[in-house]
Structure formats: structure tokens, C-alpha cells
Amino acid sequence: MVFVGLFILLIGSVTFISQLAYTYQEFHDKDLKLSSKLVSFLGILDIYLLSLIAILLGFKLTIKALFQ
């Protein structure tokens, strides 16, 4: 169960970091207007939330399995 928790934690953190890089690139694009940037950010907000949930779930599973 420890490996399952660590795997979920790894997937969540990689997804979160890649979304941060994508958002940074999107917001530093000179051709897009501010309204287009905000709509793009709201579109990927669910991926941020899902990756944070995966990080918390993986952390919880790992800690629970270690101290069981």
C-alpha cells in the first residue's frame, strides 16, 4: 500500500508542476489578451484541484500504510 500511495503522490506532483509550467507559459504570452488568459486559467483550474487531491490522497495513503 505504501507503493500505491507513493505512486499517486508522484502522479499528482508531476501533474501539478507541469500545469504550473503551462500556466506560466500561457500568462507570459504577449499575443493573448487578459480576458483570454483568465478564461484559459479557469479552464485548467480543475486540473490543479485534481492534482492537489491526488497529492493529498497519496500522502494520506503513504502515511497510513507506514504507521499501520
Protein backbone atom coordinates (compact mmCIF):
# COMPACT_ATOMS: atom_id res chain seq x y z
CA MET A 1 0.00 0.00 0.00
CA VAL A 2 2.97 2.28 0.54
CA PHE A 3 3.93 2.00 -3.12
CA VAL A 4 0.38 2.81 -4.24
CA GLY A 5 0.41 5.94 -2.09
CA LEU A 6 3.82 6.98 -3.39
CA PHE A 7 2.72 6.36 -6.97
CA ILE A 8 -0.40 8.52 -6.56
CA LEU A 9 1.73 11.17 -4.86
CA LEU A 10 4.20 11.11 -7.76
CA ILE A 11 1.48 11.42 -10.40
CA GLY A 12 -0.19 14.28 -8.54
CA SER A 13 3.02 16.23 -8.08
CA VAL A 14 4.18 15.78 -11.67
CA THR A 15 0.77 16.90 -12.93
CA PHE A 16 0.78 19.92 -10.64
CA ILE A 17 4.28 21.01 -11.68
CA SER A 18 3.53 20.59 -15.38
CA GLN A 19 0.37 22.67 -15.00
CA LEU A 20 2.38 25.39 -13.25
CA ALA A 21 4.80 25.46 -16.18
CA TYR A 22 1.92 25.59 -18.66
CA THR A 23 0.23 28.43 -16.78
CA TYR A 24 3.49 30.38 -16.58
CA GLN A 25 3.98 30.00 -20.32
CA GLU A 26 0.37 30.95 -21.02
CA PHE A 27 0.46 34.10 -18.89
CA HIS A 28 3.73 35.31 -20.38
CA ASP A 29 2.45 35.06 -23.96
CA LYS A 30 2.42 38.63 -25.31
CA ASP A 31 -0.16 37.92 -28.03
CA LEU A 32 -3.04 36.92 -25.74
CA LYS A 33 -5.36 39.43 -24.11
CA LEU A 34 -6.02 39.37 -20.37
CA SER A 35 -9.56 38.03 -20.75
CA SER A 36 -8.29 35.14 -22.86
CA LYS A 37 -5.65 34.38 -20.23
CA LEU A 38 -8.25 34.32 -17.45
CA VAL A 39 -10.55 32.01 -19.40
CA SER A 40 -7.60 29.71 -20.05
CA PHE A 41 -6.71 29.71 -16.36
CA LEU A 42 -10.27 28.90 -15.33
CA GLY A 43 -10.25 26.04 -17.82
CA ILE A 44 -7.25 24.39 -16.19
CA LEU A 45 -8.26 25.14 -12.61
CA ASP A 46 -9.91 21.73 -12.32
CA ILE A 47 -6.62 20.04 -13.18
CA TYR A 48 -4.96 21.98 -10.37
CA LEU A 49 -7.63 20.84 -7.94
CA LEU A 50 -7.48 17.21 -9.07
CA SER A 51 -3.70 17.12 -8.79
CA LEU A 52 -3.86 18.63 -5.29
CA ILE A 53 -6.42 15.99 -4.29
CA ALA A 54 -4.11 13.29 -5.71
CA ILE A 55 -1.18 14.69 -3.73
CA LEU A 56 -3.18 14.72 -0.50
CA LEU A 57 -4.60 11.24 -1.12
CA GLY A 58 -1.16 9.81 -1.90
CA PHE A 59 0.30 11.44 1.19
CA LYS A 60 -2.55 10.09 3.34
CA LEU A 61 -2.24 6.55 1.95
CA THR A 62 1.53 6.52 2.42
CA ILE A 63 1.40 7.77 6.00
CA LYS A 64 -1.45 5.41 6.86
CA ALA A 65 0.40 2.41 5.42
CA LEU A 66 3.66 3.31 7.16
CA PHE A 67 2.11 3.60 10.61
CA GLN A 68 -0.26 0.65 10.34
